Amino acid sequence: MITFDDIMKEIAKKEAEYKKLRKSEVASIPDYELREAVIYWMRGMFKKDWSDEYEVIKKLPKSCQYVYSCCAIMDEVLNGGFEQLYVNSTARDIETALHGFIDIGTEDIFNY
């Protein structure tokens, strides 16, 4: 049986691995792991308490901001719906995510 501690150890292992991710290594990461790798790489730049999350992300290239914001928005909505999105600080990423979804050609996600 997998325990909470097992999950946390696996997360810590991946965080440590991807914190040092180099651009030249991205092509070798399997597609199913790419999102996780890039997100862990970005999170590896945050202070331990994430108090600088927004500032760190805003200093990254637009493409990184788009990936981070799109993933954050989708995670919030899939986890707790739009209500959770607007209650949490992630709501500040909505505009950046919108530009990211448009940039990758998925703007239809907003046409229900």
PDB file of N, CA and C in Angstrom:
ATOM      1  N   MET A   1       0.837  -1.184   0.000  1.00  0.00           N
ATOM      2  CA  MET A   1       0.000   0.000   0.000  1.00  0.00           C
ATOM      3  C   MET A   1       0.884   1.250   0.000  1.00  0.00           C
ATOM      4  N   ILE A   2       0.554   2.186  -0.855  1.00  0.00           N
ATOM      5  CA  ILE A   2       1.309   3.431  -0.936  1.00  0.00           C
ATOM      6  C   ILE A   2       0.839   4.369   0.183  1.00  0.00           C
ATOM      7  N   THR A   3       1.794   4.905   0.898  1.00  0.00           N
ATOM      8  CA  THR A   3       1.465   5.808   2.000  1.00  0.00           C
ATOM      9  C   THR A   3       1.686   7.261   1.590  1.00  0.00           C
ATOM     10  N   PHE A   4       1.208   8.155   2.403  1.00  0.00           N
ATOM     11  CA  PHE A   4       1.419   9.582   2.179  1.00  0.00           C
ATOM     12  C   PHE A   4       2.916   9.888   2.165  1.00  0.00           C
ATOM     13  N   ASP A   5       3.658   9.269   3.064  1.00  0.00           N
ATOM     14  CA  ASP A   5       5.108   9.479   3.114  1.00  0.00           C
ATOM     15  C   ASP A   5       5.785   9.026   1.827  1.00  0.00           C
ATOM     16  N   ASP A   6       5.316   7.904   1.258  1.00  0.00           N
ATOM     17  CA  ASP A   6       5.859   7.431  -0.016  1.00  0.00           C
ATOM     18  C   ASP A   6       5.655   8.464  -1.112  1.00  0.00           C
ATOM     19  N   ILE A   7       4.468   9.022  -1.160  1.00  0.00           N
ATOM     20  CA  ILE A   7       4.138  10.035  -2.166  1.00  0.00           C
ATOM     21  C   ILE A   7       5.013  11.268  -1.983  1.00  0.00           C
ATOM     22  N   MET A   8       5.163  11.715  -0.749  1.00  0.00           N
ATOM     23  CA  MET A   8       5.972  12.902  -0.473  1.00  0.00           C
ATOM     24  C   MET A   8       7.448  12.662  -0.811  1.00  0.00           C
ATOM     25  N   LYS A   9       7.941  11.459  -0.565  1.00  0.00           N
ATOM     26  CA  LYS A   9       9.326  11.132  -0.928  1.00  0.00           C
ATOM     27  C   LYS A   9       9.516  11.169  -2.442  1.00  0.00           C
ATOM     28  N   GLU A  10       8.535  10.638  -3.163  1.00  0.00           N
ATOM     29  CA  GLU A  10       8.602  10.639  -4.631  1.00  0.00           C
ATOM     30  C   GLU A  10       8.580  12.066  -5.169  1.00  0.00           C
ATOM     31  N   ILE A  11       7.736  12.909  -4.592  1.00  0.00           N
ATOM     32  CA  ILE A  11       7.667  14.312  -5.003  1.00  0.00           C
ATOM     33  C   ILE A  11       9.004  15.004  -4.728  1.00  0.00           C
ATOM     34  N   ALA A  12       9.561  14.781  -3.546  1.00  0.00           N
ATOM     35  CA  ALA A  12      10.851  15.397  -3.189  1.00  0.00           C
ATOM     36  C   ALA A  12      11.950  14.934  -4.140  1.00  0.00           C
ATOM     37  N   LYS A  13      11.921  13.658  -4.513  1.00  0.00           N
ATOM     38  CA  LYS A  13      12.910  13.114  -5.445  1.00  0.00           C
ATOM     39  C   LYS A  13      12.802  13.804  -6.806  1.00  0.00           C
ATOM     40  N   LYS A  14      11.581  13.933  -7.315  1.00  0.00           N
ATOM     41  CA  LYS A  14      11.378  14.568  -8.618  1.00  0.00           C
ATOM     42  C   LYS A  14      11.713  16.059  -8.556  1.00  0.00           C
ATOM     43  N   GLU A  15      11.362  16.701  -7.462  1.00  0.00           N
ATOM     44  CA  GLU A  15      11.704  18.122  -7.310  1.00  0.00           C
ATOM     45  C   GLU A  15      13.215  18.305  -7.373  1.00  0.00           C
ATOM     46  N   ALA A  16      13.941  17.471  -6.674  1.00  0.00           N
ATOM     47  CA  ALA A  16      15.411  17.570  -6.675  1.00  0.00           C
ATOM     48  C   ALA A  16      15.974  17.285  -8.061  1.00  0.00           C
ATOM     49  N   GLU A  17      15.408  16.299  -8.741  1.00  0.00           N
ATOM     50  CA  GLU A  17      15.879  15.930 -10.074  1.00  0.00           C
ATOM     51  C   GLU A  17      15.642  17.054 -11.076  1.00  0.00           C
ATOM     52  N   TYR A  18      14.457  17.610 -11.074  1.00  0.00           N
ATOM     53  CA  TYR A  18      14.094  18.597 -12.091  1.00  0.00           C
ATOM     54  C   TYR A  18      14.484  20.024 -11.734  1.00  0.00           C
ATOM     55  N   LYS A  19      14.863  20.250 -10.513  1.00  0.00           N
ATOM     56  CA  LYS A  19      15.304  21.594 -10.104  1.00  0.00           C
ATOM     57  C   LYS A  19      16.518  22.036 -10.933  1.00  0.00           C
ATOM     58  N   LYS A  20      17.307  21.070 -11.350  1.00  0.00           N
ATOM     59  CA  LYS A  20      18.534  21.347 -12.106  1.00  0.00           C
ATOM     60  C   LYS A  20      18.349  21.142 -13.608  1.00  0.00           C
ATOM     61  N   LEU A  21      17.111  21.070 -14.049  1.00  0.00           N
ATOM     62  CA  LEU A  21      16.801  20.821 -15.457  1.00  0.00           C
ATOM     63  C   LEU A  21      17.450  21.864 -16.359  1.00  0.00           C
ATOM     64  N   ARG A  22      18.052  21.381 -17.435  1.00  0.00           N
ATOM     65  CA  ARG A  22      18.673  22.257 -18.424  1.00  0.00           C
ATOM     66  C   ARG A  22      17.862  22.200 -19.715  1.00  0.00           C
ATOM     67  N   LYS A  23      17.891  23.289 -20.432  1.00  0.00           N
ATOM     68  CA  LYS A  23      17.141  23.383 -21.688  1.00  0.00           C
ATOM     69  C   LYS A  23      17.515  22.239 -22.634  1.00  0.00           C
ATOM     70  N   SER A  24      18.775  21.892 -22.653  1.00  0.00           N
ATOM     71  CA  SER A  24      19.253  20.835 -23.554  1.00  0.00           C
ATOM     72  C   SER A  24      18.698  19.455 -23.175  1.00  0.00           C
ATOM     73  N   GLU A  25      18.192  19.289 -21.974  1.00  0.00           N
ATOM     74  CA  GLU A  25      17.665  18.005 -21.514  1.00  0.00           C
ATOM     75  C   GLU A  25      16.168  17.838 -21.786  1.00  0.00           C
ATOM     76  N   VAL A  26      15.491  18.917 -22.080  1.00  0.00           N
ATOM     77  CA  VAL A  26      14.034  18.877 -22.234  1.00  0.00           C
ATOM     78  C   VAL A  26      13.598  17.893 -23.316  1.00  0.00           C
ATOM     79  N   ALA A  27      14.295  17.865 -24.432  1.00  0.00           N
ATOM     80  CA  ALA A  27      13.921  16.980 -25.537  1.00  0.00           C
ATOM     81  C   ALA A  27      13.990  15.503 -25.155  1.00  0.00           C
ATOM     82  N   SER A  28      14.786  15.168 -24.165  1.00  0.00           N
ATOM     83  CA  SER A  28      14.925  13.763 -23.768  1.00  0.00           C
ATOM     84  C   SER A  28      13.878  13.312 -22.742  1.00  0.00           C
ATOM     85  N   ILE A  29      13.075  14.226 -22.262  1.00  0.00           N
ATOM     86  CA  ILE A  29      12.047  13.887 -21.274  1.00  0.00           C
ATOM     87  C   ILE A  29      10.819  13.340 -22.006  1.00  0.00           C
ATOM     88  N   PRO A  30      10.320  12.187 -21.574  1.00  0.00           N
ATOM     89  CA  PRO A  30       9.125  11.636 -22.229  1.00  0.00           C
ATOM     90  C   PRO A  30       7.944  12.610 -22.128  1.00  0.00           C
ATOM     91  N   ASP A  31       7.106  12.633 -23.142  1.00  0.00           N
ATOM     92  CA  ASP A  31       5.965  13.557 -23.177  1.00  0.00           C
ATOM     93  C   ASP A  31       5.117  13.495 -21.908  1.00  0.00           C
ATOM     94  N   TYR A  32       4.879  12.277 -21.411  1.00  0.00           N
ATOM     95  CA  TYR A  32       4.020  12.126 -20.238  1.00  0.00           C
ATOM     96  C   TYR A  32       4.619  12.739 -18.973  1.00  0.00           C
ATOM     97  N   GLU A  33       5.929  13.034 -18.981  1.00  0.00           N
ATOM     98  CA  GLU A  33       6.605  13.610 -17.828  1.00  0.00           C
ATOM     99  C   GLU A  33       6.980  15.078 -18.021  1.00  0.00           C
ATOM    100  N   LEU A  34       6.796  15.602 -19.210  1.00  0.00           N
ATOM    101  CA  LEU A  34       7.280  16.941 -19.545  1.00  0.00           C
ATOM    102  C   LEU A  34       6.636  18.030 -18.698  1.00  0.00           C
ATOM    103  N   ARG A  35       5.322  18.001 -18.587  1.00  0.00           N
ATOM    104  CA  ARG A  35       4.614  19.016 -17.791  1.00  0.00           C
ATOM    105  C   ARG A  35       5.140  19.044 -16.367  1.00  0.00           C
ATOM    106  N   GLU A  36       5.223  17.874 -15.771  1.00  0.00           N
ATOM    107  CA  GLU A  36       5.707  17.749 -14.399  1.00  0.00           C
ATOM    108  C   GLU A  36       7.130  18.281 -14.258  1.00  0.00           C
ATOM    109  N   ALA A  37       7.985  17.924 -15.205  1.00  0.00           N
ATOM    110  CA  ALA A  37       9.381  18.348 -15.153  1.00  0.00           C
ATOM    111  C   ALA A  37       9.513  19.871 -15.195  1.00  0.00           C
ATOM    112  N   VAL A  38       8.799  20.488 -16.106  1.00  0.00           N
ATOM    113  CA  VAL A  38       8.894  21.943 -16.256  1.00  0.00           C
ATOM    114  C   VAL A  38       8.318  22.659 -15.025  1.00  0.00           C
ATOM    115  N   ILE A  39       7.206  22.168 -14.526  1.00  0.00           N
ATOM    116  CA  ILE A  39       6.600  22.781 -13.336  1.00  0.00           C
ATOM    117  C   ILE A  39       7.527  22.635 -12.136  1.00  0.00           C
ATOM    118  N   TYR A  40       8.103  21.459 -11.935  1.00  0.00           N
ATOM    119  CA  TYR A  40       9.044  21.269 -10.826  1.00  0.00           C
ATOM    120  C   TYR A  40      10.270  22.162 -10.990  1.00  0.00           C
ATOM    121  N   TRP A  41      10.739  22.325 -12.216  1.00  0.00           N
ATOM    122  CA  TRP A  41      11.881  23.209 -12.464  1.00  0.00           C
ATOM    123  C   TRP A  41      11.556  24.636 -12.020  1.00  0.00           C
ATOM    124  N   MET A  42      10.378  25.118 -12.395  1.00  0.00           N
ATOM    125  CA  MET A  42       9.993  26.474 -12.008  1.00  0.00           C
ATOM    126  C   MET A  42       9.802  26.582 -10.503  1.00  0.00           C
ATOM    127  N   ARG A  43       9.128  25.614  -9.915  1.00  0.00           N
ATOM    128  CA  ARG A  43       8.904  25.647  -8.466  1.00  0.00           C
ATOM    129  C   ARG A  43      10.206  25.575  -7.689  1.00  0.00           C
ATOM    130  N   GLY A  44      11.226  24.980  -8.295  1.00  0.00           N
ATOM    131  CA  GLY A  44      12.527  24.892  -7.642  1.00  0.00           C
ATOM    132  C   GLY A  44      13.187  26.248  -7.436  1.00  0.00           C
ATOM    133  N   MET A  45      12.679  27.270  -8.090  1.00  0.00           N
ATOM    134  CA  MET A  45      13.215  28.629  -7.942  1.00  0.00           C
ATOM    135  C   MET A  45      12.551  29.395  -6.792  1.00  0.00           C
ATOM    136  N   PHE A  46      11.446  28.861  -6.273  1.00  0.00           N
ATOM    137  CA  PHE A  46      10.705  29.557  -5.222  1.00  0.00           C
ATOM    138  C   PHE A  46      11.396  29.398  -3.865  1.00  0.00           C
ATOM    139  N   LYS A  47      11.127  30.348  -2.994  1.00  0.00           N
ATOM    140  CA  LYS A  47      11.508  30.173  -1.598  1.00  0.00           C
ATOM    141  C   LYS A  47      10.722  28.984  -1.049  1.00  0.00           C
ATOM    142  N   LYS A  48      11.191  28.431   0.041  1.00  0.00           N
ATOM    143  CA  LYS A  48      10.552  27.246   0.617  1.00  0.00           C
ATOM    144  C   LYS A  48       9.071  27.474   0.926  1.00  0.00           C
ATOM    145  N   ASP A  49       8.727  28.687   1.340  1.00  0.00           N
ATOM    146  CA  ASP A  49       7.321  28.969   1.679  1.00  0.00           C
ATOM    147  C   ASP A  49       6.504  29.499   0.489  1.00  0.00           C
ATOM    148  N   TRP A  50       7.109  29.532  -0.689  1.00  0.00           N
ATOM    149  CA  TRP A  50       6.476  29.975  -1.936  1.00  0.00           C
ATOM    150  C   TRP A  50       6.050  31.446  -1.898  1.00  0.00           C
ATOM    151  N   SER A  51       6.551  32.210  -0.976  1.00  0.00           N
ATOM    152  CA  SER A  51       6.133  33.612  -0.844  1.00  0.00           C
ATOM    153  C   SER A  51       6.532  34.459  -2.046  1.00  0.00           C
ATOM    154  N   ASP A  52       7.453  33.970  -2.852  1.00  0.00           N
ATOM    155  CA  ASP A  52       7.908  34.714  -4.024  1.00  0.00           C
ATOM    156  C   ASP A  52       7.438  34.086  -5.340  1.00  0.00           C
ATOM    157  N   GLU A  53       6.485  33.175  -5.263  1.00  0.00           N
ATOM    158  CA  GLU A  53       6.013  32.451  -6.452  1.00  0.00           C
ATOM    159  C   GLU A  53       5.678  33.397  -7.604  1.00  0.00           C
ATOM    160  N   TYR A  54       4.835  34.359  -7.354  1.00  0.00           N
ATOM    161  CA  TYR A  54       4.373  35.266  -8.409  1.00  0.00           C
ATOM    162  C   TYR A  54       5.540  36.051  -9.009  1.00  0.00           C
ATOM    163  N   GLU A  55       6.421  36.561  -8.169  1.00  0.00           N
ATOM    164  CA  GLU A  55       7.547  37.357  -8.644  1.00  0.00           C
ATOM    165  C   GLU A  55       8.508  36.516  -9.482  1.00  0.00           C
ATOM    166  N   VAL A  56       8.755  35.282  -9.054  1.00  0.00           N
ATOM    167  CA  VAL A  56       9.657  34.399  -9.806  1.00  0.00           C
ATOM    168  C   VAL A  56       9.070  34.104 -11.178  1.00  0.00           C
ATOM    169  N   ILE A  57       7.813  33.721 -11.228  1.00  0.00           N
ATOM    170  CA  ILE A  57       7.179  33.376 -12.493  1.00  0.00           C
ATOM    171  C   ILE A  57       7.172  34.576 -13.438  1.00  0.00           C
ATOM    172  N   LYS A  58       6.898  35.754 -12.930  1.00  0.00           N
ATOM    173  CA  LYS A  58       6.845  36.952 -13.776  1.00  0.00           C
ATOM    174  C   LYS A  58       8.199  37.324 -14.373  1.00  0.00           C
ATOM    175  N   LYS A  59       9.283  36.833 -13.798  1.00  0.00           N
ATOM    176  CA  LYS A  59      10.621  37.115 -14.333  1.00  0.00           C
ATOM    177  C   LYS A  59      11.048  36.114 -15.410  1.00  0.00           C
ATOM    178  N   LEU A  60      10.301  35.035 -15.552  1.00  0.00           N
ATOM    179  CA  LEU A  60      10.633  34.011 -16.543  1.00  0.00           C
ATOM    180  C   LEU A  60      10.145  34.435 -17.926  1.00  0.00           C
ATOM    181  N   PRO A  61      10.655  33.805 -18.977  1.00  0.00           N
ATOM    182  CA  PRO A  61      10.166  34.109 -20.328  1.00  0.00           C
ATOM    183  C   PRO A  61       8.652  33.866 -20.428  1.00  0.00           C
ATOM    184  N   LYS A  62       8.020  34.557 -21.357  1.00  0.00           N
ATOM    185  CA  LYS A  62       6.565  34.437 -21.538  1.00  0.00           C
ATOM    186  C   LYS A  62       6.127  32.991 -21.695  1.00  0.00           C
ATOM    187  N   SER A  63       6.872  32.207 -22.453  1.00  0.00           N
ATOM    188  CA  SER A  63       6.481  30.807 -22.661  1.00  0.00           C
ATOM    189  C   SER A  63       6.406  30.055 -21.332  1.00  0.00           C
ATOM    190  N   CYS A  64       7.321  30.322 -20.430  1.00  0.00           N
ATOM    191  CA  CYS A  64       7.291  29.683 -19.104  1.00  0.00           C
ATOM    192  C   CYS A  64       6.114  30.195 -18.285  1.00  0.00           C
ATOM    193  N   GLN A  65       5.865  31.497 -18.370  1.00  0.00           N
ATOM    194  CA  GLN A  65       4.714  32.067 -17.662  1.00  0.00           C
ATOM    195  C   GLN A  65       3.420  31.422 -18.155  1.00  0.00           C
ATOM    196  N   TYR A  66       3.329  31.217 -19.467  1.00  0.00           N
ATOM    197  CA  TYR A  66       2.128  30.606 -20.045  1.00  0.00           C
ATOM    198  C   TYR A  66       1.945  29.172 -19.550  1.00  0.00           C
ATOM    199  N   VAL A  67       3.006  28.392 -19.589  1.00  0.00           N
ATOM    200  CA  VAL A  67       2.920  27.002 -19.132  1.00  0.00           C
ATOM    201  C   VAL A  67       2.500  26.959 -17.666  1.00  0.00           C
ATOM    202  N   TYR A  68       3.170  27.742 -16.842  1.00  0.00           N
ATOM    203  CA  TYR A  68       2.878  27.726 -15.408  1.00  0.00           C
ATOM    204  C   TYR A  68       1.438  28.156 -15.143  1.00  0.00           C
ATOM    205  N   SER A  69       1.017  29.245 -15.758  1.00  0.00           N
ATOM    206  CA  SER A  69      -0.330  29.769 -15.528  1.00  0.00           C
ATOM    207  C   SER A  69      -1.408  28.826 -16.048  1.00  0.00           C
ATOM    208  N   CYS A  70      -1.219  28.286 -17.244  1.00  0.00           N
ATOM    209  CA  CYS A  70      -2.203  27.339 -17.797  1.00  0.00           C
ATOM    210  C   CYS A  70      -2.335  26.115 -16.897  1.00  0.00           C
ATOM    211  N   CYS A  71      -1.209  25.583 -16.448  1.00  0.00           N
ATOM    212  CA  CYS A  71      -1.251  24.414 -15.568  1.00  0.00           C
ATOM    213  C   CYS A  71      -1.901  24.748 -14.226  1.00  0.00           C
ATOM    214  N   ALA A  72      -1.570  25.904 -13.679  1.00  0.00           N
ATOM    215  CA  ALA A  72      -2.150  26.299 -12.392  1.00  0.00           C
ATOM    216  C   ALA A  72      -3.664  26.454 -12.491  1.00  0.00           C
ATOM    217  N   ILE A  73      -4.120  27.103 -13.549  1.00  0.00           N
ATOM    218  CA  ILE A  73      -5.561  27.303 -13.739  1.00  0.00           C
ATOM    219  C   ILE A  73      -6.263  25.964 -13.920  1.00  0.00           C
ATOM    220  N   MET A  74      -5.733  25.120 -14.785  1.00  0.00           N
ATOM    221  CA  MET A  74      -6.360  23.811 -15.019  1.00  0.00           C
ATOM    222  C   MET A  74      -6.365  22.961 -13.745  1.00  0.00           C
ATOM    223  N   ASP A  75      -5.280  22.988 -12.990  1.00  0.00           N
ATOM    224  CA  ASP A  75      -5.227  22.220 -11.745  1.00  0.00           C
ATOM    225  C   ASP A  75      -6.298  22.683 -10.765  1.00  0.00           C
ATOM    226  N   GLU A  76      -6.447  23.990 -10.628  1.00  0.00           N
ATOM    227  CA  GLU A  76      -7.455  24.530  -9.701  1.00  0.00           C
ATOM    228  C   GLU A  76      -8.866  24.137 -10.132  1.00  0.00           C
ATOM    229  N   VAL A  77      -9.165  24.322 -11.404  1.00  0.00           N
ATOM    230  CA  VAL A  77     -10.514  24.030 -11.906  1.00  0.00           C
ATOM    231  C   VAL A  77     -10.819  22.545 -11.793  1.00  0.00           C
ATOM    232  N   LEU A  78      -9.862  21.700 -12.172  1.00  0.00           N
ATOM    233  CA  LEU A  78     -10.087  20.260 -12.100  1.00  0.00           C
ATOM    234  C   LEU A  78     -10.151  19.747 -10.669  1.00  0.00           C
ATOM    235  N   ASN A  79      -9.487  20.429  -9.755  1.00  0.00           N
ATOM    236  CA  ASN A  79      -9.463  20.001  -8.358  1.00  0.00           C
ATOM    237  C   ASN A  79     -10.685  20.477  -7.576  1.00  0.00           C
ATOM    238  N   GLY A  80     -11.093  21.735  -7.802  1.00  0.00           N
ATOM    239  CA  GLY A  80     -12.184  22.259  -6.993  1.00  0.00           C
ATOM    240  C   GLY A  80     -13.160  23.139  -7.742  1.00  0.00           C
ATOM    241  N   GLY A  81     -13.035  23.195  -9.053  1.00  0.00           N
ATOM    242  CA  GLY A  81     -13.948  23.998  -9.856  1.00  0.00           C
ATOM    243  C   GLY A  81     -13.544  25.463  -9.892  1.00  0.00           C
ATOM    244  N   PHE A  82     -14.368  26.230 -10.586  1.00  0.00           N
ATOM    245  CA  PHE A  82     -14.075  27.661 -10.735  1.00  0.00           C
ATOM    246  C   PHE A  82     -14.156  28.390  -9.402  1.00  0.00           C
ATOM    247  N   GLU A  83     -14.970  27.895  -8.503  1.00  0.00           N
ATOM    248  CA  GLU A  83     -15.061  28.513  -7.176  1.00  0.00           C
ATOM    249  C   GLU A  83     -13.706  28.468  -6.473  1.00  0.00           C
ATOM    250  N   GLN A  84     -13.050  27.316  -6.514  1.00  0.00           N
ATOM    251  CA  GLN A  84     -11.731  27.195  -5.897  1.00  0.00           C
ATOM    252  C   GLN A  84     -10.730  28.115  -6.582  1.00  0.00           C
ATOM    253  N   LEU A  85     -10.813  28.201  -7.896  1.00  0.00           N
ATOM    254  CA  LEU A  85      -9.912  29.063  -8.651  1.00  0.00           C
ATOM    255  C   LEU A  85      -9.982  30.496  -8.143  1.00  0.00           C
ATOM    256  N   TYR A  86     -11.186  31.002  -7.958  1.00  0.00           N
ATOM    257  CA  TYR A  86     -11.333  32.401  -7.558  1.00  0.00           C
ATOM    258  C   TYR A  86     -11.069  32.646  -6.082  1.00  0.00           C
ATOM    259  N   VAL A  87     -11.173  31.602  -5.265  1.00  0.00           N
ATOM    260  CA  VAL A  87     -10.887  31.757  -3.843  1.00  0.00           C
ATOM    261  C   VAL A  87      -9.380  31.778  -3.600  1.00  0.00           C
ATOM    262  N   ASN A  88      -8.645  30.983  -4.380  1.00  0.00           N
ATOM    263  CA  ASN A  88      -7.199  30.891  -4.203  1.00  0.00           C
ATOM    264  C   ASN A  88      -6.475  31.991  -4.984  1.00  0.00           C
ATOM    265  N   SER A  89      -5.210  32.160  -4.672  1.00  0.00           N
ATOM    266  CA  SER A  89      -4.416  33.213  -5.311  1.00  0.00           C
ATOM    267  C   SER A  89      -4.190  32.966  -6.793  1.00  0.00           C
ATOM    268  N   THR A  90      -4.491  31.779  -7.257  1.00  0.00           N
ATOM    269  CA  THR A  90      -4.275  31.436  -8.662  1.00  0.00           C
ATOM    270  C   THR A  90      -5.089  32.318  -9.598  1.00  0.00           C
ATOM    271  N   ALA A  91      -6.148  32.909  -9.113  1.00  0.00           N
ATOM    272  CA  ALA A  91      -6.991  33.769  -9.952  1.00  0.00           C
ATOM    273  C   ALA A  91      -6.164  34.881 -10.605  1.00  0.00           C
ATOM    274  N   ARG A  92      -5.077  35.278  -9.982  1.00  0.00           N
ATOM    275  CA  ARG A  92      -4.241  36.338 -10.561  1.00  0.00           C
ATOM    276  C   ARG A  92      -3.582  35.890 -11.863  1.00  0.00           C
ATOM    277  N   ASP A  93      -3.562  34.577 -12.103  1.00  0.00           N
ATOM    278  CA  ASP A  93      -2.923  34.023 -13.303  1.00  0.00           C
ATOM    279  C   ASP A  93      -3.875  33.880 -14.484  1.00  0.00           C
ATOM    280  N   ILE A  94      -5.126  34.246 -14.321  1.00  0.00           N
ATOM    281  CA  ILE A  94      -6.123  34.003 -15.361  1.00  0.00           C
ATOM    282  C   ILE A  94      -5.754  34.693 -16.673  1.00  0.00           C
ATOM    283  N   GLU A  95      -5.383  35.945 -16.630  1.00  0.00           N
ATOM    284  CA  GLU A  95      -5.068  36.662 -17.870  1.00  0.00           C
ATOM    285  C   GLU A  95      -3.859  36.055 -18.573  1.00  0.00           C
ATOM    286  N   THR A  96      -2.826  35.735 -17.821  1.00  0.00           N
ATOM    287  CA  THR A  96      -1.645  35.113 -18.421  1.00  0.00           C
ATOM    288  C   THR A  96      -2.009  33.754 -19.012  1.00  0.00           C
ATOM    289  N   ALA A  97      -2.828  32.988 -18.301  1.00  0.00           N
ATOM    290  CA  ALA A  97      -3.260  31.680 -18.807  1.00  0.00           C
ATOM    291  C   ALA A  97      -4.069  31.838 -20.090  1.00  0.00           C
ATOM    292  N   LEU A  98      -4.923  32.845 -20.141  1.00  0.00           N
ATOM    293  CA  LEU A  98      -5.715  33.083 -21.355  1.00  0.00           C
ATOM    294  C   LEU A  98      -4.794  33.291 -22.551  1.00  0.00           C
ATOM    295  N   HIS A  99      -3.777  34.124 -22.382  1.00  0.00           N
ATOM    296  CA  HIS A  99      -2.809  34.352 -23.459  1.00  0.00           C
ATOM    297  C   HIS A  99      -2.065  33.053 -23.795  1.00  0.00           C
ATOM    298  N   GLY A 100      -1.770  32.254 -22.778  1.00  0.00           N
ATOM    299  CA  GLY A 100      -1.099  30.980 -23.005  1.00  0.00           C
ATOM    300  C   GLY A 100      -1.965  30.010 -23.786  1.00  0.00           C
ATOM    301  N   PHE A 101      -3.245  29.910 -23.415  1.00  0.00           N
ATOM    302  CA  PHE A 101      -4.156  29.017 -24.139  1.00  0.00           C
ATOM    303  C   PHE A 101      -4.303  29.467 -25.595  1.00  0.00           C
ATOM    304  N   ILE A 102      -4.369  30.758 -25.817  1.00  0.00           N
ATOM    305  CA  ILE A 102      -4.462  31.282 -27.184  1.00  0.00           C
ATOM    306  C   ILE A 102      -3.182  30.979 -27.956  1.00  0.00           C
ATOM    307  N   ASP A 103      -2.035  31.179 -27.289  1.00  0.00           N
ATOM    308  CA  ASP A 103      -0.741  30.968 -27.934  1.00  0.00           C
ATOM    309  C   ASP A 103      -0.546  29.514 -28.383  1.00  0.00           C
ATOM    310  N   ILE A 104      -1.070  28.573 -27.610  1.00  0.00           N
ATOM    311  CA  ILE A 104      -0.916  27.167 -27.996  1.00  0.00           C
ATOM    312  C   ILE A 104      -2.088  26.658 -28.822  1.00  0.00           C
ATOM    313  N   GLY A 105      -3.018  27.567 -29.148  1.00  0.00           N
ATOM    314  CA  GLY A 105      -4.103  27.209 -30.051  1.00  0.00           C
ATOM    315  C   GLY A 105      -5.275  26.508 -29.411  1.00  0.00           C
ATOM    316  N   THR A 106      -5.476  26.715 -28.125  1.00  0.00           N
ATOM    317  CA  THR A 106      -6.590  26.062 -27.443  1.00  0.00           C
ATOM    318  C   THR A 106      -7.597  27.074 -26.901  1.00  0.00           C
ATOM    319  N   GLU A 107      -7.711  28.207 -27.591  1.00  0.00           N
ATOM    320  CA  GLU A 107      -8.641  29.226 -27.091  1.00  0.00           C
ATOM    321  C   GLU A 107     -10.092  28.743 -27.096  1.00  0.00           C
ATOM    322  N   ASP A 108     -10.385  27.687 -27.855  1.00  0.00           N
ATOM    323  CA  ASP A 108     -11.741  27.140 -27.859  1.00  0.00           C
ATOM    324  C   ASP A 108     -12.149  26.581 -26.513  1.00  0.00           C
ATOM    325  N   ILE A 109     -11.192  26.395 -25.624  1.00  0.00           N
ATOM    326  CA  ILE A 109     -11.496  25.899 -24.289  1.00  0.00           C
ATOM    327  C   ILE A 109     -12.487  26.824 -23.577  1.00  0.00           C
ATOM    328  N   PHE A 110     -12.530  28.073 -23.996  1.00  0.00           N
ATOM    329  CA  PHE A 110     -13.404  29.059 -23.357  1.00  0.00           C
ATOM    330  C   PHE A 110     -14.752  29.203 -24.056  1.00  0.00           C
ATOM    331  N   ASN A 111     -14.981  28.487 -25.151  1.00  0.00           N
ATOM    332  CA  ASN A 111     -16.222  28.595 -25.909  1.00  0.00           C
ATOM    333  C   ASN A 111     -17.148  27.420 -25.608  1.00  0.00           C
ATOM    334  N   TYR A 112     -17.852  27.506 -24.516  1.00  0.00           N
ATOM    335  CA  TYR A 112     -18.785  26.425 -24.143  1.00  0.00           C
ATOM    336  C   TYR A 112     -20.151  26.723 -24.684  1.00  0.00           C
TER     337      TYR A 112
END
